[in-house]
mmCIF file of all heavy atoms, coordinates in Angstrom:
data_MODEL
# 
_entry.id   MODEL 
# 
loop_
_atom_site.group_PDB 
_atom_site.id 
_atom_site.type_symbol 
_atom_site.label_atom_id 
_atom_site.label_alt_id 
_atom_site.label_comp_id 
_atom_site.label_asym_id 
_atom_site.label_entity_id 
_atom_site.label_seq_id 
_atom_site.pdbx_PDB_ins_code 
_atom_site.Cartn_x 
_atom_site.Cartn_y 
_atom_site.Cartn_z 
_atom_site.occupancy 
_atom_site.B_iso_or_equiv 
_atom_site.pdbx_formal_charge 
_atom_site.auth_seq_id 
_atom_site.auth_comp_id 
_atom_site.auth_asym_id 
_atom_site.auth_atom_id 
_atom_site.pdbx_PDB_model_num 
ATOM 1   N N   . GLY A 1 1  ? -22.390 -7.871  6.145  1.00 0.00 ? 1  GLY A N   1 
ATOM 2   C CA  . GLY A 1 1  ? -22.124 -6.812  7.116  1.00 0.00 ? 1  GLY A CA  1 
ATOM 3   C C   . GLY A 1 1  ? -22.995 -6.947  8.354  1.00 0.00 ? 1  GLY A C   1 
ATOM 4   O O   . GLY A 1 1  ? -22.522 -6.771  9.478  1.00 0.00 ? 1  GLY A O   1 
ATOM 5   N N   . GLU A 1 2  ? -24.281 -7.278  8.166  1.00 0.00 ? 2  GLU A N   1 
ATOM 6   C CA  . GLU A 1 2  ? -25.187 -7.461  9.304  1.00 0.00 ? 2  GLU A CA  1 
ATOM 7   C C   . GLU A 1 2  ? -24.727 -8.611  10.191 1.00 0.00 ? 2  GLU A C   1 
ATOM 8   O O   . GLU A 1 2  ? -24.756 -8.508  11.417 1.00 0.00 ? 2  GLU A O   1 
ATOM 9   C CB  . GLU A 1 2  ? -26.610 -7.708  8.811  1.00 0.00 ? 2  GLU A CB  1 
ATOM 10  C CG  . GLU A 1 2  ? -27.294 -6.476  8.262  1.00 0.00 ? 2  GLU A CG  1 
ATOM 11  C CD  . GLU A 1 2  ? -28.659 -6.780  7.658  1.00 0.00 ? 2  GLU A CD  1 
ATOM 12  O OE1 . GLU A 1 2  ? -29.158 -7.913  7.804  1.00 0.00 ? 2  GLU A OE1 1 
ATOM 13  O OE2 . GLU A 1 2  ? -29.232 -5.864  7.027  1.00 0.00 ? 2  GLU A OE2 1 
ATOM 14  N N   . LYS A 1 3  ? -24.294 -9.700  9.568  1.00 0.00 ? 3  LYS A N   1 
ATOM 15  C CA  . LYS A 1 3  ? -23.829 -10.858 10.344 1.00 0.00 ? 3  LYS A CA  1 
ATOM 16  C C   . LYS A 1 3  ? -22.558 -10.545 11.136 1.00 0.00 ? 3  LYS A C   1 
ATOM 17  O O   . LYS A 1 3  ? -22.343 -11.090 12.211 1.00 0.00 ? 3  LYS A O   1 
ATOM 18  C CB  . LYS A 1 3  ? -23.580 -12.058 9.426  1.00 0.00 ? 3  LYS A CB  1 
ATOM 19  C CG  . LYS A 1 3  ? -24.846 -12.666 8.853  1.00 0.00 ? 3  LYS A CG  1 
ATOM 20  C CD  . LYS A 1 3  ? -24.503 -13.867 7.992  1.00 0.00 ? 3  LYS A CD  1 
ATOM 21  C CE  . LYS A 1 3  ? -25.736 -14.508 7.392  1.00 0.00 ? 3  LYS A CE  1 
ATOM 22  N NZ  . LYS A 1 3  ? -26.524 -15.262 8.342  1.00 0.00 ? 3  LYS A NZ  1 
ATOM 23  N N   . LEU A 1 4  ? -21.733 -9.644  10.566 1.00 0.00 ? 4  LEU A N   1 
ATOM 24  C CA  . LEU A 1 4  ? -20.455 -9.314  11.213 1.00 0.00 ? 4  LEU A CA  1 
ATOM 25  C C   . LEU A 1 4  ? -20.517 -8.050  12.063 1.00 0.00 ? 4  LEU A C   1 
ATOM 26  O O   . LEU A 1 4  ? -19.552 -7.697  12.730 1.00 0.00 ? 4  LEU A O   1 
ATOM 27  C CB  . LEU A 1 4  ? -19.361 -9.158  10.148 1.00 0.00 ? 4  LEU A CB  1 
ATOM 28  C CG  . LEU A 1 4  ? -19.082 -10.377 9.272  1.00 0.00 ? 4  LEU A CG  1 
ATOM 29  C CD1 . LEU A 1 4  ? -18.061 -10.036 8.206  1.00 0.00 ? 4  LEU A CD1 1 
ATOM 30  C CD2 . LEU A 1 4  ? -18.617 -11.549 10.115 1.00 0.00 ? 4  LEU A CD2 1 
ATOM 31  N N   . GLY A 1 5  ? -21.652 -7.335  11.997 1.00 0.00 ? 5  GLY A N   1 
ATOM 32  C CA  . GLY A 1 5  ? -21.789 -6.114  12.785 1.00 0.00 ? 5  GLY A CA  1 
ATOM 33  C C   . GLY A 1 5  ? -21.058 -4.925  12.185 1.00 0.00 ? 5  GLY A C   1 
ATOM 34  O O   . GLY A 1 5  ? -20.586 -4.049  12.914 1.00 0.00 ? 5  GLY A O   1 
ATOM 35  N N   . VAL A 1 6  ? -20.941 -4.912  10.843 1.00 0.00 ? 6  VAL A N   1 
ATOM 36  C CA  . VAL A 1 6  ? -20.313 -3.793  10.153 1.00 0.00 ? 6  VAL A CA  1 
ATOM 37  C C   . VAL A 1 6  ? -21.230 -3.343  9.021  1.00 0.00 ? 6  VAL A C   1 
ATOM 38  O O   . VAL A 1 6  ? -22.218 -4.000  8.715  1.00 0.00 ? 6  VAL A O   1 
ATOM 39  C CB  . VAL A 1 6  ? -18.913 -4.178  9.587  1.00 0.00 ? 6  VAL A CB  1 
ATOM 40  C CG1 . VAL A 1 6  ? -17.962 -4.560  10.705 1.00 0.00 ? 6  VAL A CG1 1 
ATOM 41  C CG2 . VAL A 1 6  ? -19.015 -5.295  8.563  1.00 0.00 ? 6  VAL A CG2 1 
ATOM 42  N N   . THR A 1 7  ? -20.884 -2.243  8.380  1.00 0.00 ? 7  THR A N   1 
ATOM 43  C CA  . THR A 1 7  ? -21.701 -1.755  7.276  1.00 0.00 ? 7  THR A CA  1 
ATOM 44  C C   . THR A 1 7  ? -21.323 -2.454  5.975  1.00 0.00 ? 7  THR A C   1 
ATOM 45  O O   . THR A 1 7  ? -20.246 -3.063  5.869  1.00 0.00 ? 7  THR A O   1 
ATOM 46  C CB  . THR A 1 7  ? -21.523 -0.233  7.078  1.00 0.00 ? 7  THR A CB  1 
ATOM 47  O OG1 . THR A 1 7  ? -20.169 0.003   6.655  1.00 0.00 ? 7  THR A OG1 1 
ATOM 48  C CG2 . THR A 1 7  ? -21.826 0.527   8.359  1.00 0.00 ? 7  THR A CG2 1 
ATOM 49  N N   . ASN A 1 8  ? -22.202 -2.335  4.970  1.00 0.00 ? 8  ASN A N   1 
ATOM 50  C CA  . ASN A 1 8  ? -21.889 -2.903  3.661  1.00 0.00 ? 8  ASN A CA  1 
ATOM 51  C C   . ASN A 1 8  ? -20.694 -2.174  3.027  1.00 0.00 ? 8  ASN A C   1 
ATOM 52  O O   . ASN A 1 8  ? -19.935 -2.764  2.269  1.00 0.00 ? 8  ASN A O   1 
ATOM 53  C CB  . ASN A 1 8  ? -23.111 -2.860  2.738  1.00 0.00 ? 8  ASN A CB  1 
ATOM 54  C CG  . ASN A 1 8  ? -23.600 -1.453  2.468  1.00 0.00 ? 8  ASN A CG  1 
ATOM 55  O OD1 . ASN A 1 8  ? -23.567 -0.589  3.340  1.00 0.00 ? 8  ASN A OD1 1 
ATOM 56  N ND2 . ASN A 1 8  ? -24.069 -1.213  1.259  1.00 0.00 ? 8  ASN A ND2 1 
ATOM 57  N N   . LYS A 1 9  ? -20.499 -0.909  3.370  1.00 0.00 ? 9  LYS A N   1 
ATOM 58  C CA  . LYS A 1 9  ? -19.342 -0.168  2.862  1.00 0.00 ? 9  LYS A CA  1 
ATOM 59  C C   . LYS A 1 9  ? -18.043 -0.754  3.404  1.00 0.00 ? 9  LYS A C   1 
ATOM 60  O O   . LYS A 1 9  ? -17.034 -0.808  2.692  1.00 0.00 ? 9  LYS A O   1 
ATOM 61  C CB  . LYS A 1 9  ? -19.446 1.311   3.231  1.00 0.00 ? 9  LYS A CB  1 
ATOM 62  C CG  . LYS A 1 9  ? -20.491 2.053   2.446  1.00 0.00 ? 9  LYS A CG  1 
ATOM 63  C CD  . LYS A 1 9  ? -20.496 3.531   2.806  1.00 0.00 ? 9  LYS A CD  1 
ATOM 64  C CE  . LYS A 1 9  ? -21.566 4.259   2.005  1.00 0.00 ? 9  LYS A CE  1 
ATOM 65  N NZ  . LYS A 1 9  ? -21.577 5.689   2.299  1.00 0.00 ? 9  LYS A NZ  1 
ATOM 66  N N   . THR A 1 10 ? -18.063 -1.173  4.652  1.00 0.00 ? 10 THR A N   1 
ATOM 67  C CA  . THR A 1 10 ? -16.877 -1.792  5.248  1.00 0.00 ? 10 THR A CA  1 
ATOM 68  C C   . THR A 1 10 ? -16.558 -3.097  4.529  1.00 0.00 ? 10 THR A C   1 
ATOM 69  O O   . THR A 1 10 ? -15.403 -3.367  4.195  1.00 0.00 ? 10 THR A O   1 
ATOM 70  C CB  . THR A 1 10 ? -17.091 -2.033  6.752  1.00 0.00 ? 10 THR A CB  1 
ATOM 71  O OG1 . THR A 1 10 ? -17.329 -0.780  7.384  1.00 0.00 ? 10 THR A OG1 1 
ATOM 72  C CG2 . THR A 1 10 ? -15.896 -2.701  7.385  1.00 0.00 ? 10 THR A CG2 1 
ATOM 73  N N   . VAL A 1 11 ? -17.592 -3.903  4.270  1.00 0.00 ? 11 VAL A N   1 
ATOM 74  C CA  . VAL A 1 11 ? -17.396 -5.159  3.537  1.00 0.00 ? 11 VAL A CA  1 
ATOM 75  C C   . VAL A 1 11 ? -16.837 -4.852  2.152  1.00 0.00 ? 11 VAL A C   1 
ATOM 76  O O   . VAL A 1 11 ? -15.907 -5.514  1.683  1.00 0.00 ? 11 VAL A O   1 
ATOM 77  C CB  . VAL A 1 11 ? -18.716 -5.964  3.438  1.00 0.00 ? 11 VAL A CB  1 
ATOM 78  C CG1 . VAL A 1 11 ? -18.547 -7.183  2.540  1.00 0.00 ? 11 VAL A CG1 1 
ATOM 79  C CG2 . VAL A 1 11 ? -19.192 -6.384  4.827  1.00 0.00 ? 11 VAL A CG2 1 
ATOM 80  N N   . SER A 1 12 ? -17.365 -3.828  1.501  1.00 0.00 ? 12 SER A N   1 
ATOM 81  C CA  . SER A 1 12 ? -16.877 -3.430  0.181  1.00 0.00 ? 12 SER A CA  1 
ATOM 82  C C   . SER A 1 12 ? -15.404 -3.047  0.246  1.00 0.00 ? 12 SER A C   1 
ATOM 83  O O   . SER A 1 12 ? -14.616 -3.418  -0.640 1.00 0.00 ? 12 SER A O   1 
ATOM 84  C CB  . SER A 1 12 ? -17.703 -2.254  -0.356 1.00 0.00 ? 12 SER A CB  1 
ATOM 85  O OG  . SER A 1 12 ? -17.162 -1.778  -1.560 1.00 0.00 ? 12 SER A OG  1 
ATOM 86  N N   . ARG A 1 13 ? -15.005 -2.324  1.268  1.00 0.00 ? 13 ARG A N   1 
ATOM 87  C CA  . ARG A 1 13 ? -13.599 -1.913  1.416  1.00 0.00 ? 13 ARG A CA  1 
ATOM 88  C C   . ARG A 1 13 ? -12.686 -3.134  1.602  1.00 0.00 ? 13 ARG A C   1 
ATOM 89  O O   . ARG A 1 13 ? -11.562 -3.154  1.106  1.00 0.00 ? 13 ARG A O   1 
ATOM 90  C CB  . ARG A 1 13 ? -13.452 -0.946  2.578  1.00 0.00 ? 13 ARG A CB  1 
ATOM 91  C CG  . ARG A 1 13 ? -14.043 0.414   2.268  1.00 0.00 ? 13 ARG A CG  1 
ATOM 92  C CD  . ARG A 1 13 ? -13.879 1.388   3.421  1.00 0.00 ? 13 ARG A CD  1 
ATOM 93  N NE  . ARG A 1 13 ? -14.558 2.624   3.118  1.00 0.00 ? 13 ARG A NE  1 
ATOM 94  C CZ  . ARG A 1 13 ? -15.447 3.193   3.910  1.00 0.00 ? 13 ARG A CZ  1 
ATOM 95  N NH1 . ARG A 1 13 ? -15.750 2.658   5.078  1.00 0.00 ? 13 ARG A NH1 1 
ATOM 96  N NH2 . ARG A 1 13 ? -16.040 4.316   3.554  1.00 0.00 ? 13 ARG A NH2 1 
ATOM 97  N N   . TRP A 1 14 ? -13.174 -4.137  2.331  1.00 0.00 ? 14 TRP A N   1 
ATOM 98  C CA  . TRP A 1 14 ? -12.391 -5.359  2.484  1.00 0.00 ? 14 TRP A CA  1 
ATOM 99  C C   . TRP A 1 14 ? -12.256 -6.062  1.135  1.00 0.00 ? 14 TRP A C   1 
ATOM 100 O O   . TRP A 1 14 ? -11.182 -6.515  0.773  1.00 0.00 ? 14 TRP A O   1 
ATOM 101 C CB  . TRP A 1 14 ? -13.049 -6.313  3.469  1.00 0.00 ? 14 TRP A CB  1 
ATOM 102 C CG  . TRP A 1 14 ? -13.154 -5.828  4.876  1.00 0.00 ? 14 TRP A CG  1 
ATOM 103 C CD1 . TRP A 1 14 ? -12.443 -4.840  5.483  1.00 0.00 ? 14 TRP A CD1 1 
ATOM 104 C CD2 . TRP A 1 14 ? -14.049 -6.327  5.866  1.00 0.00 ? 14 TRP A CD2 1 
ATOM 105 N NE1 . TRP A 1 14 ? -12.831 -4.696  6.789  1.00 0.00 ? 14 TRP A NE1 1 
ATOM 106 C CE2 . TRP A 1 14 ? -13.821 -5.605  7.058  1.00 0.00 ? 14 TRP A CE2 1 
ATOM 107 C CE3 . TRP A 1 14 ? -15.025 -7.315  5.881  1.00 0.00 ? 14 TRP A CE3 1 
ATOM 108 C CZ2 . TRP A 1 14 ? -14.520 -5.837  8.236  1.00 0.00 ? 14 TRP A CZ2 1 
ATOM 109 C CZ3 . TRP A 1 14 ? -15.726 -7.554  7.050  1.00 0.00 ? 14 TRP A CZ3 1 
ATOM 110 C CH2 . TRP A 1 14 ? -15.472 -6.822  8.217  1.00 0.00 ? 14 TRP A CH2 1 
ATOM 111 N N   . GLU A 1 15 ? -13.376 -6.159  0.427  1.00 0.00 ? 15 GLU A N   1 
ATOM 112 C CA  . GLU A 1 15 ? -13.380 -6.904  -0.832 1.00 0.00 ? 15 GLU A CA  1 
ATOM 113 C C   . GLU A 1 15 ? -12.588 -6.215  -1.931 1.00 0.00 ? 15 GLU A C   1 
ATOM 114 O O   . GLU A 1 15 ? -12.090 -6.876  -2.835 1.00 0.00 ? 15 GLU A O   1 
ATOM 115 C CB  . GLU A 1 15 ? -14.821 -7.159  -1.287 1.00 0.00 ? 15 GLU A CB  1 
ATOM 116 C CG  . GLU A 1 15 ? -15.550 -8.143  -0.395 1.00 0.00 ? 15 GLU A CG  1 
ATOM 117 C CD  . GLU A 1 15 ? -16.961 -8.462  -0.853 1.00 0.00 ? 15 GLU A CD  1 
ATOM 118 O OE1 . GLU A 1 15 ? -17.412 -7.908  -1.875 1.00 0.00 ? 15 GLU A OE1 1 
ATOM 119 O OE2 . GLU A 1 15 ? -17.625 -9.288  -0.186 1.00 0.00 ? 15 GLU A OE2 1 
ATOM 120 N N   . THR A 1 16 ? -12.449 -4.916  -1.867 1.00 0.00 ? 16 THR A N   1 
ATOM 121 C CA  . THR A 1 16 ? -11.650 -4.201  -2.870 1.00 0.00 ? 16 THR A CA  1 
ATOM 122 C C   . THR A 1 16 ? -10.181 -4.113  -2.468 1.00 0.00 ? 16 THR A C   1 
ATOM 123 O O   . THR A 1 16 ? -9.365  -3.595  -3.222 1.00 0.00 ? 16 THR A O   1 
ATOM 124 C CB  . THR A 1 16 ? -12.194 -2.778  -3.106 1.00 0.00 ? 16 THR A CB  1 
ATOM 125 O OG1 . THR A 1 16 ? -12.172 -2.067  -1.864 1.00 0.00 ? 16 THR A OG1 1 
ATOM 126 C CG2 . THR A 1 16 ? -13.589 -2.803  -3.704 1.00 0.00 ? 16 THR A CG2 1 
ATOM 127 N N   . GLY A 1 17 ? -9.855  -4.599  -1.296 1.00 0.00 ? 17 GLY A N   1 
ATOM 128 C CA  . GLY A 1 17 ? -8.468  -4.587  -0.837 1.00 0.00 ? 17 GLY A CA  1 
ATOM 129 C C   . GLY A 1 17 ? -8.036  -3.274  -0.223 1.00 0.00 ? 17 GLY A C   1 
ATOM 130 O O   . GLY A 1 17 ? -6.852  -3.045  -0.011 1.00 0.00 ? 17 GLY A O   1 
ATOM 131 N N   . ALA A 1 18 ? -8.999  -2.397  0.084  1.00 0.00 ? 18 ALA A N   1 
ATOM 132 C CA  . ALA A 1 18 ? -8.644  -1.112  0.695  1.00 0.00 ? 18 ALA A CA  1 
ATOM 133 C C   . ALA A 1 18 ? -8.226  -1.294  2.148  1.00 0.00 ? 18 ALA A C   1 
ATOM 134 O O   . ALA A 1 18 ? -7.377  -0.554  2.649  1.00 0.00 ? 18 ALA A O   1 
ATOM 135 C CB  . ALA A 1 18 ? -9.820  -0.139  0.602  1.00 0.00 ? 18 ALA A CB  1 
ATOM 136 N N   . TYR A 1 19 ? -8.841  -2.235  2.838  1.00 0.00 ? 19 TYR A N   1 
ATOM 137 C CA  . TYR A 1 19 ? -8.552  -2.486  4.254  1.00 0.00 ? 19 TYR A CA  1 
ATOM 138 C C   . TYR A 1 19 ? -8.478  -3.977  4.517  1.00 0.00 ? 19 TYR A C   1 
ATOM 139 O O   . TYR A 1 19 ? -9.119  -4.769  3.841  1.00 0.00 ? 19 TYR A O   1 
ATOM 140 C CB  . TYR A 1 19 ? -9.649  -1.911  5.159  1.00 0.00 ? 19 TYR A CB  1 
ATOM 141 C CG  . TYR A 1 19 ? -9.761  -0.417  5.144  1.00 0.00 ? 19 TYR A CG  1 
ATOM 142 C CD1 . TYR A 1 19 ? -10.781 0.206   4.435  1.00 0.00 ? 19 TYR A CD1 1 
ATOM 143 C CD2 . TYR A 1 19 ? -8.859  0.376   5.828  1.00 0.00 ? 19 TYR A CD2 1 
ATOM 144 C CE1 . TYR A 1 19 ? -10.896 1.584   4.420  1.00 0.00 ? 19 TYR A CE1 1 
ATOM 145 C CE2 . TYR A 1 19 ? -8.970  1.756   5.811  1.00 0.00 ? 19 TYR A CE2 1 
ATOM 146 C CZ  . TYR A 1 19 ? -9.986  2.344   5.110  1.00 0.00 ? 19 TYR A CZ  1 
ATOM 147 O OH  . TYR A 1 19 ? -10.089 3.700   5.092  1.00 0.00 ? 19 TYR A OH  1 
ATOM 148 N N   . LEU A 1 20 ? -7.723  -4.333  5.543  1.00 0.00 ? 20 LEU A N   1 
ATOM 149 C CA  . LEU A 1 20 ? -7.687  -5.694  6.044  1.00 0.00 ? 20 LEU A CA  1 
ATOM 150 C C   . LEU A 1 20 ? -8.705  -5.798  7.167  1.00 0.00 ? 20 LEU A C   1 
ATOM 151 O O   . LEU A 1 20 ? -8.721  -4.944  8.062  1.00 0.00 ? 20 LEU A O   1 
ATOM 152 C CB  . LEU A 1 20 ? -6.292  -6.026  6.578  1.00 0.00 ? 20 LEU A CB  1 
ATOM 153 C CG  . LEU A 1 20 ? -6.088  -7.435  7.118  1.00 0.00 ? 20 LEU A CG  1 
ATOM 154 C CD1 . LEU A 1 20 ? -6.187  -8.450  5.985  1.00 0.00 ? 20 LEU A CD1 1 
ATOM 155 C CD2 . LEU A 1 20 ? -4.737  -7.551  7.800  1.00 0.00 ? 20 LEU A CD2 1 
ATOM 156 N N   . PRO A 1 21 ? -9.576  -6.802  7.154  1.00 0.00 ? 21 PRO A N   1 
ATOM 157 C CA  . PRO A 1 21 ? -10.547 -6.939  8.237  1.00 0.00 ? 21 PRO A CA  1 
ATOM 158 C C   . PRO A 1 21 ? -9.835  -7.109  9.589  1.00 0.00 ? 21 PRO A C   1 
ATOM 159 O O   . PRO A 1 21 ? -8.770  -7.741  9.658  1.00 0.00 ? 21 PRO A O   1 
ATOM 160 C CB  . PRO A 1 21 ? -11.323 -8.209  7.877  1.00 0.00 ? 21 PRO A CB  1 
ATOM 161 C CG  . PRO A 1 21 ? -11.070 -8.423  6.425  1.00 0.00 ? 21 PRO A CG  1 
ATOM 162 C CD  . PRO A 1 21 ? -9.731  -7.845  6.139  1.00 0.00 ? 21 PRO A CD  1 
ATOM 163 N N   . PRO A 1 22 ? -10.420 -6.586  10.664 1.00 0.00 ? 22 PRO A N   1 
ATOM 164 C CA  . PRO A 1 22 ? -9.809  -6.775  11.988 1.00 0.00 ? 22 PRO A CA  1 
ATOM 165 C C   . PRO A 1 22 ? -9.931  -8.239  12.427 1.00 0.00 ? 22 PRO A C   1 
ATOM 166 O O   . PRO A 1 22 ? -10.694 -9.023  11.842 1.00 0.00 ? 22 PRO A O   1 
ATOM 167 C CB  . PRO A 1 22 ? -10.618 -5.849  12.886 1.00 0.00 ? 22 PRO A CB  1 
ATOM 168 C CG  . PRO A 1 22 ? -11.913 -5.661  12.189 1.00 0.00 ? 22 PRO A CG  1 
ATOM 169 C CD  . PRO A 1 22 ? -11.627 -5.784  10.724 1.00 0.00 ? 22 PRO A CD  1 
ATOM 170 N N   . ALA A 1 23 ? -9.195  -8.579  13.461 1.00 0.00 ? 23 ALA A N   1 
ATOM 171 C CA  . ALA A 1 23 ? -9.134  -9.964  13.936 1.00 0.00 ? 23 ALA A CA  1 
ATOM 172 C C   . ALA A 1 23 ? -10.520 -10.527 14.254 1.00 0.00 ? 23 ALA A C   1 
ATOM 173 O O   . ALA A 1 23 ? -10.813 -11.685 13.929 1.00 0.00 ? 23 ALA A O   1 
ATOM 174 C CB  . ALA A 1 23 ? -8.234  -10.059 15.159 1.00 0.00 ? 23 ALA A CB  1 
ATOM 175 N N   . GLU A 1 24 ? -11.394 -9.719  14.867 1.00 0.00 ? 24 GLU A N   1 
ATOM 176 C CA  . GLU A 1 24 ? -12.726 -10.208 15.225 1.00 0.00 ? 24 GLU A CA  1 
ATOM 177 C C   . GLU A 1 24 ? -13.518 -10.586 13.982 1.00 0.00 ? 24 GLU A C   1 
ATOM 178 O O   . GLU A 1 24 ? -14.224 -11.599 13.962 1.00 0.00 ? 24 GLU A O   1 
ATOM 179 C CB  . GLU A 1 24 ? -13.515 -9.147  16.009 1.00 0.00 ? 24 GLU A CB  1 
ATOM 180 C CG  . GLU A 1 24 ? -12.852 -8.617  17.250 1.00 0.00 ? 24 GLU A CG  1 
ATOM 181 C CD  . GLU A 1 24 ? -11.830 -7.519  16.965 1.00 0.00 ? 24 GLU A CD  1 
ATOM 182 O OE1 . GLU A 1 24 ? -12.000 -6.728  16.008 1.00 0.00 ? 24 GLU A OE1 1 
ATOM 183 O OE2 . GLU A 1 24 ? -10.831 -7.478  17.694 1.00 0.00 ? 24 GLU A OE2 1 
ATOM 184 N N   . ALA A 1 25 ? -13.417 -9.769  12.936 1.00 0.00 ? 25 ALA A N   1 
ATOM 185 C CA  . ALA A 1 25 ? -14.136 -10.054 11.692 1.00 0.00 ? 25 ALA A CA  1 
ATOM 186 C C   . ALA A 1 25 ? -13.551 -11.278 11.006 1.00 0.00 ? 25 ALA A C   1 
ATOM 187 O O   . ALA A 1 25 ? -14.301 -12.100 10.447 1.00 0.00 ? 25 ALA A O   1 
ATOM 188 C CB  . ALA A 1 25 ? -14.082 -8.843  10.762 1.00 0.00 ? 25 ALA A CB  1 
ATOM 189 N N   . LEU A 1 26 ? -12.229 -11.424 11.032 1.00 0.00 ? 26 LEU A N   1 
ATOM 190 C CA  . LEU A 1 26 ? -11.601 -12.606 10.442 1.00 0.00 ? 26 LEU A CA  1 
ATOM 191 C C   . LEU A 1 26 ? -12.080 -13.875 11.138 1.00 0.00 ? 26 LEU A C   1 
ATOM 192 O O   . LEU A 1 26 ? -12.386 -14.874 10.487 1.00 0.00 ? 26 LEU A O   1 
ATOM 193 C CB  . LEU A 1 26 ? -10.074 -12.500 10.523 1.00 0.00 ? 26 LEU A CB  1 
ATOM 194 C CG  . LEU A 1 26 ? -9.409  -11.463 9.629  1.00 0.00 ? 26 LEU A CG  1 
ATOM 195 C CD1 . LEU A 1 26 ? -7.936  -11.320 9.969  1.00 0.00 ? 26 LEU A CD1 1 
ATOM 196 C CD2 . LEU A 1 26 ? -9.587  -11.822 8.160  1.00 0.00 ? 26 LEU A CD2 1 
# 
């Protein structure tokens, strides 16, 4: 999350399939 400029909760949401990462994160 720090490397991508997001929170660890956001990374968790991506990894659980709750959200698709935005284009910048991809």
